[in-house]
Amino acid sequence: MEPCENPMELKDIISISISVIALVASVIAIYLSHWHKSSKAILCLNSRLFDCLNEKTKRELRYTFSNTGNQELFVKDVSLLRGQSPLGNLKHSSSYLVIPSNHIDPFIIKPGEIKLFILSHEVDYELATDYDEELNKYILVSLEVISANGKRFQVTHDISNLGPSGPDIRDKIWAGVPLGGSV
């Protein structure tokens, strides 16, 4: 009895290829939905108000922080910084001045949640006489964030050009700032 040689036809190769691609796509989808934990978030400036009723002018900044990833995020610190770089104190080696502002308690934000917080500070804060304002020209809202898998992040929003009546709504200052890479 002679062995039957039945070569695969093109339609068989196409069918097997489609099946393999579907299997690989299913495995990737299962991995991404059940095991892969992404850290994603967006910081958005919603409004700024100036209080000129007292002796000192105060600026109130309203922000939302949205967890767009699929793991919890712990916001360890929210602060107002002044320094040489828009990167912030965890990503840049220069020193930063912490501008006095209201205290915001640390908080946990679950996937899909949005947290509103208000940062308030005096506009005319005191600087040392030898402080170089030209060199340290960046004013930043900084969030130090720790993900559920232990990665540390810093989200910084440059508000150096934020005045009482500007910038325009189309300015990049009103765009969201993503969480970015870990420190």
N, C-alpha and C. Protein backbone atom coordinates (compact mmCIF):
# COMPACT_ATOMS: atom_id res chain seq x y z
N MET A 1 0.83 -1.16 0.00
CA MET A 1 0.00 0.00 0.00
C MET A 1 0.88 1.24 0.00
N GLU A 2 0.58 2.13 -0.88
CA GLU A 2 1.38 3.34 -1.02
C GLU A 2 0.84 4.44 -0.11
N PRO A 3 1.76 5.20 0.53
CA PRO A 3 1.30 6.31 1.37
C PRO A 3 0.66 7.38 0.50
N CYS A 4 -0.36 7.95 1.03
CA CYS A 4 -1.11 8.98 0.30
C CYS A 4 -0.51 10.34 0.60
N GLU A 5 0.07 10.93 -0.39
CA GLU A 5 0.63 12.27 -0.22
C GLU A 5 -0.41 13.27 -0.67
N ASN A 6 -0.89 14.03 0.29
CA ASN A 6 -1.92 15.01 0.01
C ASN A 6 -1.39 16.38 0.45
N PRO A 7 -0.75 17.11 -0.46
CA PRO A 7 -0.19 18.41 -0.07
C PRO A 7 -1.30 19.38 0.34
N MET A 8 -0.94 20.26 1.27
CA MET A 8 -1.92 21.25 1.73
C MET A 8 -2.16 22.26 0.63
N GLU A 9 -3.39 22.59 0.49
CA GLU A 9 -3.75 23.58 -0.51
C GLU A 9 -3.70 24.97 0.13
N LEU A 10 -3.75 25.99 -0.70
CA LEU A 10 -3.68 27.38 -0.23
C LEU A 10 -4.79 27.70 0.76
N LYS A 11 -6.00 27.19 0.51
CA LYS A 11 -7.12 27.47 1.41
C LYS A 11 -6.89 26.87 2.79
N ASP A 12 -6.20 25.70 2.85
CA ASP A 12 -5.88 25.09 4.15
C ASP A 12 -4.87 25.94 4.92
N ILE A 13 -3.87 26.45 4.22
CA ILE A 13 -2.85 27.30 4.85
C ILE A 13 -3.49 28.58 5.39
N ILE A 14 -4.38 29.17 4.61
CA ILE A 14 -5.07 30.39 5.04
C ILE A 14 -5.92 30.11 6.28
N SER A 15 -6.65 29.01 6.28
CA SER A 15 -7.50 28.66 7.43
C SER A 15 -6.67 28.45 8.69
N ILE A 16 -5.57 27.72 8.58
CA ILE A 16 -4.71 27.48 9.73
C ILE A 16 -4.09 28.79 10.22
N SER A 17 -3.67 29.65 9.30
CA SER A 17 -3.07 30.94 9.67
C SER A 17 -4.06 31.81 10.44
N ILE A 18 -5.29 31.87 9.95
CA ILE A 18 -6.32 32.66 10.63
C ILE A 18 -6.59 32.10 12.02
N SER A 19 -6.61 30.79 12.16
CA SER A 19 -6.84 30.16 13.46
C SER A 19 -5.71 30.48 14.44
N VAL A 20 -4.47 30.43 13.96
CA VAL A 20 -3.32 30.73 14.82
C VAL A 20 -3.36 32.20 15.26
N ILE A 21 -3.67 33.10 14.34
CA ILE A 21 -3.76 34.53 14.68
C ILE A 21 -4.86 34.76 15.71
N ALA A 22 -6.00 34.11 15.56
CA ALA A 22 -7.10 34.26 16.52
C ALA A 22 -6.71 33.73 17.89
N LEU A 23 -5.99 32.62 17.93
CA LEU A 23 -5.54 32.05 19.19
C LEU A 23 -4.55 32.98 19.90
N VAL A 24 -3.60 33.54 19.16
CA VAL A 24 -2.63 34.47 19.73
C VAL A 24 -3.34 35.72 20.25
N ALA A 25 -4.30 36.25 19.48
CA ALA A 25 -5.05 37.44 19.91
C ALA A 25 -5.83 37.15 21.19
N SER A 26 -6.40 35.97 21.31
CA SER A 26 -7.15 35.59 22.52
C SER A 26 -6.24 35.51 23.73
N VAL A 27 -5.06 34.92 23.56
CA VAL A 27 -4.11 34.81 24.67
C VAL A 27 -3.66 36.20 25.12
N ILE A 28 -3.38 37.09 24.17
CA ILE A 28 -2.98 38.46 24.52
C ILE A 28 -4.10 39.18 25.25
N ALA A 29 -5.34 39.04 24.78
CA ALA A 29 -6.48 39.69 25.42
C ALA A 29 -6.68 39.19 26.86
N ILE A 30 -6.53 37.89 27.07
CA ILE A 30 -6.66 37.33 28.42
C ILE A 30 -5.56 37.88 29.32
N TYR A 31 -4.33 37.94 28.81
CA TYR A 31 -3.21 38.47 29.59
C TYR A 31 -3.47 39.93 29.99
N LEU A 32 -3.87 40.74 29.01
CA LEU A 32 -4.07 42.17 29.29
C LEU A 32 -5.23 42.41 30.24
N SER A 33 -6.28 41.60 30.17
CA SER A 33 -7.44 41.85 31.02
C SER A 33 -7.31 41.26 32.42
N HIS A 34 -6.50 40.21 32.59
CA HIS A 34 -6.44 39.55 33.89
C HIS A 34 -5.12 39.69 34.63
N TRP A 35 -4.01 39.83 33.93
CA TRP A 35 -2.72 39.82 34.62
C TRP A 35 -1.93 41.12 34.48
N HIS A 36 -2.00 41.77 33.34
CA HIS A 36 -1.23 43.00 33.13
C HIS A 36 -1.88 44.15 33.90
N LYS A 37 -1.10 44.81 34.72
CA LYS A 37 -1.60 45.94 35.51
C LYS A 37 -0.90 47.21 35.03
N SER A 38 -1.65 48.05 34.34
CA SER A 38 -1.06 49.29 33.83
C SER A 38 -1.32 50.44 34.79
N SER A 39 -0.36 51.34 34.86
CA SER A 39 -0.48 52.55 35.66
C SER A 39 -0.66 53.71 34.70
N LYS A 40 -1.87 54.24 34.66
CA LYS A 40 -2.16 55.38 33.80
C LYS A 40 -3.04 56.35 34.57
N ALA A 41 -2.80 57.62 34.35
CA ALA A 41 -3.60 58.65 35.01
C ALA A 41 -3.42 59.97 34.27
N ILE A 42 -4.36 60.89 34.51
CA ILE A 42 -4.29 62.22 33.90
C ILE A 42 -4.63 63.27 34.95
N LEU A 43 -3.79 64.30 35.03
CA LEU A 43 -4.00 65.44 35.91
C LEU A 43 -4.51 66.60 35.06
N CYS A 44 -5.66 67.17 35.45
CA CYS A 44 -6.25 68.28 34.68
C CYS A 44 -6.54 69.48 35.58
N LEU A 45 -6.10 70.64 35.13
CA LEU A 45 -6.46 71.90 35.79
C LEU A 45 -7.86 72.27 35.31
N ASN A 46 -8.79 72.44 36.24
CA ASN A 46 -10.17 72.77 35.88
C ASN A 46 -10.47 74.26 35.96
N SER A 47 -9.94 74.90 37.00
CA SER A 47 -10.19 76.34 37.14
C SER A 47 -9.17 76.93 38.10
N ARG A 48 -9.05 78.26 38.03
CA ARG A 48 -8.23 78.99 38.97
C ARG A 48 -8.98 80.26 39.35
N LEU A 49 -8.99 80.51 40.64
CA LEU A 49 -9.67 81.69 41.16
C LEU A 49 -8.68 82.48 42.00
N PHE A 50 -8.86 83.78 42.01
CA PHE A 50 -8.03 84.65 42.84
C PHE A 50 -8.92 85.30 43.89
N ASP A 51 -8.47 85.26 45.14
CA ASP A 51 -9.18 85.88 46.25
C ASP A 51 -8.40 87.12 46.66
N CYS A 52 -8.98 88.27 46.37
CA CYS A 52 -8.31 89.55 46.67
C CYS A 52 -9.01 90.29 47.80
N LEU A 53 -9.87 89.62 48.54
CA LEU A 53 -10.64 90.29 49.58
C LEU A 53 -9.82 90.57 50.84
N ASN A 54 -8.86 89.75 51.12
CA ASN A 54 -8.04 89.93 52.32
C ASN A 54 -6.82 90.78 51.99
N GLU A 55 -5.93 90.93 52.97
CA GLU A 55 -4.71 91.71 52.75
C GLU A 55 -3.81 91.08 51.70
N LYS A 56 -3.79 89.76 51.66
CA LYS A 56 -2.92 89.05 50.72
C LYS A 56 -3.76 88.35 49.67
N THR A 57 -3.28 88.38 48.44
CA THR A 57 -3.99 87.72 47.34
C THR A 57 -3.68 86.23 47.36
N LYS A 58 -4.74 85.42 47.30
CA LYS A 58 -4.58 83.97 47.27
C LYS A 58 -5.06 83.45 45.92
N ARG A 59 -4.40 82.40 45.45
CA ARG A 59 -4.82 81.73 44.21
C ARG A 59 -5.31 80.33 44.59
N GLU A 60 -6.48 79.98 44.06
CA GLU A 60 -7.06 78.67 44.31
C GLU A 60 -7.10 77.91 42.99
N LEU A 61 -6.43 76.76 42.96
CA LEU A 61 -6.36 75.93 41.76
C LEU A 61 -7.18 74.67 41.98
N ARG A 62 -8.14 74.43 41.10
CA ARG A 62 -8.98 73.22 41.18
C ARG A 62 -8.50 72.23 40.13
N TYR A 63 -8.15 71.04 40.61
CA TYR A 63 -7.64 69.97 39.75
C TYR A 63 -8.49 68.72 39.87
N THR A 64 -8.46 67.92 38.81
CA THR A 64 -8.96 66.55 38.89
C THR A 64 -7.81 65.63 38.53
N PHE A 65 -7.78 64.48 39.20
CA PHE A 65 -6.80 63.44 38.91
C PHE A 65 -7.59 62.19 38.59
N SER A 66 -7.45 61.69 37.36
CA SER A 66 -8.23 60.55 36.87
C SER A 66 -7.34 59.33 36.74
N ASN A 67 -7.76 58.22 37.32
CA ASN A 67 -7.04 56.96 37.19
C ASN A 67 -7.59 56.22 35.97
N THR A 68 -6.85 56.24 34.88
CA THR A 68 -7.28 55.60 33.64
C THR A 68 -6.64 54.23 33.45
N GLY A 69 -5.86 53.78 34.41
CA GLY A 69 -5.23 52.46 34.34
C GLY A 69 -6.11 51.40 34.98
N ASN A 70 -5.53 50.23 35.25
CA ASN A 70 -6.32 49.16 35.86
C ASN A 70 -5.75 48.69 37.20
N GLN A 71 -5.07 49.59 37.92
CA GLN A 71 -4.66 49.29 39.29
C GLN A 71 -4.78 50.56 40.13
N GLU A 72 -4.91 50.37 41.44
CA GLU A 72 -5.06 51.51 42.34
C GLU A 72 -3.78 52.34 42.37
N LEU A 73 -3.96 53.65 42.58
CA LEU A 73 -2.84 54.57 42.70
C LEU A 73 -2.95 55.30 44.04
N PHE A 74 -1.82 55.45 44.72
CA PHE A 74 -1.75 56.17 45.98
C PHE A 74 -1.07 57.50 45.72
N VAL A 75 -1.78 58.59 45.95
CA VAL A 75 -1.20 59.93 45.80
C VAL A 75 -0.63 60.30 47.17
N LYS A 76 0.69 60.23 47.26
CA LYS A 76 1.40 60.42 48.52
C LYS A 76 1.52 61.89 48.89
N ASP A 77 1.75 62.75 47.87
CA ASP A 77 2.01 64.15 48.16
C ASP A 77 1.54 65.03 47.00
N VAL A 78 0.92 66.14 47.35
CA VAL A 78 0.58 67.19 46.38
C VAL A 78 1.26 68.45 46.89
N SER A 79 2.11 69.04 46.06
CA SER A 79 2.82 70.24 46.50
C SER A 79 3.02 71.21 45.35
N LEU A 80 3.36 72.42 45.72
CA LEU A 80 3.64 73.49 44.77
C LEU A 80 5.14 73.75 44.85
N LEU A 81 5.83 73.63 43.72
CA LEU A 81 7.29 73.74 43.68
C LEU A 81 7.73 74.87 42.78
N ARG A 82 8.92 75.40 43.07
CA ARG A 82 9.55 76.37 42.19
C ARG A 82 10.99 75.93 41.98
N GLY A 83 11.41 75.86 40.69
CA GLY A 83 12.76 75.39 40.43
C GLY A 83 13.23 75.64 39.01
N GLN A 84 14.35 75.01 38.65
CA GLN A 84 15.03 75.25 37.38
C GLN A 84 14.46 74.46 36.21
N SER A 85 13.68 73.43 36.46
CA SER A 85 13.22 72.55 35.39
C SER A 85 11.74 72.22 35.57
N PRO A 86 11.02 72.04 34.46
CA PRO A 86 9.61 71.64 34.57
C PRO A 86 9.44 70.16 34.91
N LEU A 87 10.55 69.43 35.06
CA LEU A 87 10.47 67.99 35.34
C LEU A 87 10.09 67.68 36.78
N GLY A 88 10.48 68.52 37.72
CA GLY A 88 10.18 68.28 39.13
C GLY A 88 11.34 67.68 39.89
N ASN A 89 11.22 67.68 41.21
CA ASN A 89 12.32 67.30 42.09
C ASN A 89 12.68 65.81 42.04
N LEU A 90 11.80 64.93 41.63
CA LEU A 90 12.13 63.51 41.55
C LEU A 90 12.80 63.14 40.23
N LYS A 91 12.64 63.98 39.21
CA LYS A 91 13.20 63.68 37.89
C LYS A 91 14.36 64.58 37.50
N HIS A 92 14.59 65.66 38.25
CA HIS A 92 15.66 66.60 37.93
C HIS A 92 16.53 66.78 39.17
N SER A 93 17.82 66.90 38.97
CA SER A 93 18.76 66.91 40.10
C SER A 93 18.87 68.25 40.83
N SER A 94 18.31 69.32 40.29
CA SER A 94 18.42 70.61 40.99
C SER A 94 17.47 70.65 42.18
N SER A 95 17.70 71.65 43.05
CA SER A 95 16.84 71.78 44.22
C SER A 95 15.59 72.59 43.86
N TYR A 96 14.53 72.35 44.61
CA TYR A 96 13.25 73.03 44.38
C TYR A 96 12.77 73.64 45.69
N LEU A 97 12.21 74.83 45.58
CA LEU A 97 11.59 75.50 46.71
C LEU A 97 10.15 74.99 46.81
N VAL A 98 9.72 74.61 48.01
CA VAL A 98 8.34 74.23 48.22
C VAL A 98 7.58 75.49 48.61
N ILE A 99 6.64 75.90 47.78
CA ILE A 99 5.84 77.10 48.04
C ILE A 99 4.75 76.73 49.05
N PRO A 100 4.61 77.49 50.13
CA PRO A 100 3.59 77.17 51.13
C PRO A 100 2.19 77.16 50.51
N SER A 101 1.44 76.11 50.80
CA SER A 101 0.06 75.96 50.30
C SER A 101 -0.73 75.15 51.32
N ASN A 102 -2.03 75.02 51.06
CA ASN A 102 -2.86 74.21 51.95
C ASN A 102 -2.43 72.75 51.88
N HIS A 103 -2.64 72.02 52.96
CA HIS A 103 -2.28 70.60 53.01
C HIS A 103 -3.38 69.77 52.36
N ILE A 104 -2.97 68.83 51.53
CA ILE A 104 -3.90 67.88 50.93
C ILE A 104 -3.53 66.50 51.45
N ASP A 105 -4.47 65.86 52.12
CA ASP A 105 -4.22 64.53 52.67
C ASP A 105 -3.95 63.53 51.56
N PRO A 106 -3.03 62.59 51.80
CA PRO A 106 -2.80 61.53 50.81
C PRO A 106 -4.10 60.77 50.55
N PHE A 107 -4.24 60.25 49.33
CA PHE A 107 -5.47 59.53 48.99
C PHE A 107 -5.18 58.40 48.01
N ILE A 108 -6.09 57.43 47.99
CA ILE A 108 -6.04 56.31 47.05
C ILE A 108 -7.13 56.52 46.02
N ILE A 109 -6.80 56.28 44.77
CA ILE A 109 -7.77 56.42 43.70
C ILE A 109 -7.84 55.10 42.93
N LYS A 110 -9.04 54.55 42.86
CA LYS A 110 -9.26 53.26 42.20
C LYS A 110 -9.35 53.44 40.69
N PRO A 111 -9.14 52.36 39.93
CA PRO A 111 -9.26 52.46 38.46
C PRO A 111 -10.63 53.01 38.06
N GLY A 112 -10.62 53.94 37.13
CA GLY A 112 -11.86 54.54 36.64
C GLY A 112 -12.38 55.69 37.48
N GLU A 113 -11.77 55.98 38.61
CA GLU A 113 -12.23 57.06 39.48
C GLU A 113 -11.57 58.38 39.13
N ILE A 114 -12.25 59.46 39.53
CA ILE A 114 -11.73 60.82 39.37
C ILE A 114 -11.78 61.48 40.74
N LYS A 115 -10.67 62.09 41.14
CA LYS A 115 -10.59 62.76 42.44
C LYS A 115 -10.38 64.26 42.21
N LEU A 116 -11.20 65.07 42.85
CA LEU A 116 -11.07 66.53 42.80
C LEU A 116 -10.28 66.99 44.02
N PHE A 117 -9.34 67.91 43.81
CA PHE A 117 -8.66 68.53 44.95
C PHE A 117 -8.40 69.99 44.62
N ILE A 118 -8.26 70.78 45.69
CA ILE A 118 -8.05 72.23 45.56
C ILE A 118 -6.72 72.58 46.23
N LEU A 119 -5.87 73.25 45.48
CA LEU A 119 -4.58 73.71 45.98
C LEU A 119 -4.65 75.23 46.08
N SER A 120 -4.41 75.76 47.28
CA SER A 120 -4.54 77.19 47.52
C SER A 120 -3.23 77.73 48.09
N HIS A 121 -2.81 78.89 47.59
CA HIS A 121 -1.56 79.49 48.09
C HIS A 121 -1.59 81.00 47.90
N GLU A 122 -0.75 81.68 48.69
CA GLU A 122 -0.61 83.13 48.54
C GLU A 122 0.21 83.41 47.29
N VAL A 123 -0.19 84.41 46.53
CA VAL A 123 0.50 84.75 45.29
C VAL A 123 1.85 85.41 45.59
N ASP A 124 1.89 86.27 46.60
CA ASP A 124 3.12 86.98 46.95
C ASP A 124 3.81 86.30 48.13
N TYR A 125 4.33 85.11 47.90
CA TYR A 125 5.06 84.40 48.95
C TYR A 125 6.47 84.96 49.04
N GLU A 126 7.05 84.84 50.21
CA GLU A 126 8.38 85.42 50.45
C GLU A 126 9.48 84.52 49.93
N LEU A 127 10.48 85.15 49.31
CA LEU A 127 11.67 84.45 48.83
C LEU A 127 12.89 85.02 49.54
N ALA A 128 13.91 84.21 49.68
CA ALA A 128 15.16 84.70 50.27
C ALA A 128 15.73 85.80 49.37
N THR A 129 16.46 86.74 49.95
CA THR A 129 17.00 87.86 49.17
C THR A 129 17.96 87.41 48.08
N ASP A 130 18.66 86.30 48.31
CA ASP A 130 19.62 85.82 47.30
C ASP A 130 19.01 84.77 46.36
N TYR A 131 17.70 84.56 46.43
CA TYR A 131 17.04 83.56 45.57
C TYR A 131 17.00 84.07 44.13
N ASP A 132 17.47 83.26 43.20
CA ASP A 132 17.53 83.63 41.79
C ASP A 132 16.22 83.25 41.09
N GLU A 133 15.32 84.24 40.97
CA GLU A 133 14.01 83.99 40.35
C GLU A 133 14.12 83.70 38.86
N GLU A 134 15.10 84.29 38.20
CA GLU A 134 15.28 84.06 36.76
C GLU A 134 15.73 82.62 36.48
N LEU A 135 16.62 82.11 37.30
CA LEU A 135 17.10 80.73 37.15
C LEU A 135 16.01 79.73 37.55
N ASN A 136 15.32 80.02 38.63
CA ASN A 136 14.26 79.15 39.14
C ASN A 136 12.90 79.67 38.67
N LYS A 137 12.68 79.62 37.38
CA LYS A 137 11.50 80.27 36.78
C LYS A 137 10.28 79.37 36.67
N TYR A 138 10.41 78.08 36.93
CA TYR A 138 9.28 77.17 36.76
C TYR A 138 8.50 77.00 38.06
N ILE A 139 7.19 77.22 37.98
CA ILE A 139 6.29 76.97 39.11
C ILE A 139 5.45 75.76 38.72
N LEU A 140 5.50 74.73 39.57
CA LEU A 140 4.90 73.45 39.23
C LEU A 140 3.94 72.96 40.31
N VAL A 141 2.83 72.38 39.87
CA VAL A 141 2.01 71.57 40.76
C VAL A 141 2.55 70.16 40.61
N SER A 142 2.93 69.55 41.71
CA SER A 142 3.58 68.24 41.67
C SER A 142 2.79 67.22 42.48
N LEU A 143 2.55 66.05 41.87
CA LEU A 143 1.94 64.93 42.57
C LEU A 143 2.93 63.78 42.60
N GLU A 144 3.19 63.26 43.79
CA GLU A 144 4.01 62.06 43.92
C GLU A 144 3.04 60.89 44.07
N VAL A 145 3.15 59.93 43.14
CA VAL A 145 2.18 58.84 43.04
C VAL A 145 2.91 57.51 43.15
N ILE A 146 2.31 56.56 43.87
CA ILE A 146 2.85 55.21 43.97
C ILE A 146 1.77 54.24 43.51
N SER A 147 2.14 53.36 42.56
CA SER A 147 1.17 52.40 42.04
C SER A 147 1.08 51.19 42.95
N ALA A 148 0.06 50.37 42.73
CA ALA A 148 -0.16 49.17 43.55
C ALA A 148 0.99 48.17 43.43
N ASN A 149 1.72 48.21 42.31
CA ASN A 149 2.85 47.29 42.18
C ASN A 149 4.17 47.93 42.60
N GLY A 150 4.11 49.09 43.28
CA GLY A 150 5.28 49.68 43.91
C GLY A 150 6.08 50.66 43.07
N LYS A 151 5.63 50.98 41.87
CA LYS A 151 6.36 51.95 41.05
C LYS A 151 6.03 53.36 41.53
N ARG A 152 7.03 54.23 41.47
CA ARG A 152 6.88 55.62 41.90
C ARG A 152 6.85 56.53 40.67
N PHE A 153 5.94 57.49 40.69
CA PHE A 153 5.76 58.43 39.59
C PHE A 153 5.73 59.85 40.13
N GLN A 154 6.04 60.81 39.26
CA GLN A 154 5.83 62.21 39.58
C GLN A 154 5.13 62.86 38.39
N VAL A 155 3.97 63.44 38.66
CA VAL A 155 3.23 64.19 37.65
C VAL A 155 3.45 65.65 37.97
N THR A 156 3.95 66.42 36.99
CA THR A 156 4.15 67.85 37.22
C THR A 156 3.38 68.65 36.18
N HIS A 157 2.73 69.70 36.64
CA HIS A 157 2.00 70.61 35.77
C HIS A 157 2.62 71.99 35.90
N ASP A 158 3.17 72.49 34.81
CA ASP A 158 3.83 73.79 34.79
C ASP A 158 2.77 74.89 34.75
N ILE A 159 2.68 75.67 35.82
CA ILE A 159 1.71 76.77 35.89
C ILE A 159 2.41 78.13 35.91
N SER A 160 3.63 78.18 35.41
CA SER A 160 4.42 79.42 35.43
C SER A 160 3.71 80.57 34.72
N ASN A 161 2.97 80.29 33.66
CA ASN A 161 2.32 81.34 32.88
C ASN A 161 0.85 81.55 33.25
N LEU A 162 0.42 80.99 34.36
CA LEU A 162 -0.98 81.08 34.76
C LEU A 162 -1.23 82.38 35.50
N GLY A 163 -1.95 83.28 34.86
CA GLY A 163 -2.26 84.57 35.47
C GLY A 163 -3.72 84.66 35.85
N PRO A 164 -4.15 85.82 36.36
CA PRO A 164 -5.54 85.98 36.78
C PRO A 164 -6.53 85.97 35.62
N SER A 165 -6.07 86.31 34.41
CA SER A 165 -7.00 86.35 33.28
C SER A 165 -6.50 85.56 32.08
N GLY A 166 -5.52 84.78 32.23
CA GLY A 166 -5.00 84.02 31.09
C GLY A 166 -4.20 82.85 31.59
N PRO A 167 -3.77 82.04 30.73
CA PRO A 167 -3.85 82.06 29.28
C PRO A 167 -5.21 81.59 28.75
N ASP A 168 -5.33 81.72 27.44
CA ASP A 168 -6.54 81.36 26.72
C ASP A 168 -6.87 79.87 26.91
N ILE A 169 -8.13 79.52 26.75
CA ILE A 169 -8.59 78.15 26.96
C ILE A 169 -7.91 77.15 26.02
N ARG A 170 -7.38 77.61 24.88
CA ARG A 170 -6.70 76.72 23.93
C ARG A 170 -5.22 76.51 24.28
N ASP A 171 -4.75 77.19 25.30
CA ASP A 171 -3.35 77.05 25.71
C ASP A 171 -3.12 75.66 26.30
N LYS A 172 -1.89 75.16 26.16
CA LYS A 172 -1.54 73.82 26.64
C LYS A 172 -1.65 73.68 28.16
N ILE A 173 -1.71 74.78 28.88
CA ILE A 173 -1.82 74.71 30.34
C ILE A 173 -3.14 74.05 30.76
N TRP A 174 -4.15 74.12 29.89
CA TRP A 174 -5.45 73.53 30.19
C TRP A 174 -5.56 72.08 29.74
N ALA A 175 -4.55 71.58 29.02
CA ALA A 175 -4.56 70.18 28.58
C ALA A 175 -4.17 69.28 29.76
N GLY A 176 -4.63 68.06 29.72
CA GLY A 176 -4.30 67.10 30.77
C GLY A 176 -2.83 66.70 30.72
N VAL A 177 -2.27 66.38 31.89
CA VAL A 177 -0.88 65.93 31.99
C VAL A 177 -0.92 64.44 32.34
N PRO A 178 -0.36 63.57 31.48
CA PRO A 178 -0.39 62.14 31.77
C PRO A 178 0.59 61.74 32.86
N LEU A 179 0.36 60.58 33.45
CA LEU A 179 1.21 60.06 34.52
C LEU A 179 2.64 59.86 34.05
N GLY A 180 2.83 59.39 32.85
CA GLY A 180 4.18 59.21 32.30
C GLY A 180 4.88 57.99 32.88
N GLY A 181 6.19 57.93 32.67
CA GLY A 181 6.98 56.79 33.12
C GLY A 181 7.35 56.90 34.59
N SER A 182 7.71 55.77 35.16
CA SER A 182 8.08 55.76 36.58
C SER A 182 9.44 56.42 36.77
N VAL A 183 9.68 56.86 38.00
CA VAL A 183 10.91 57.56 38.34
C VAL A 183 12.03 56.56 38.56
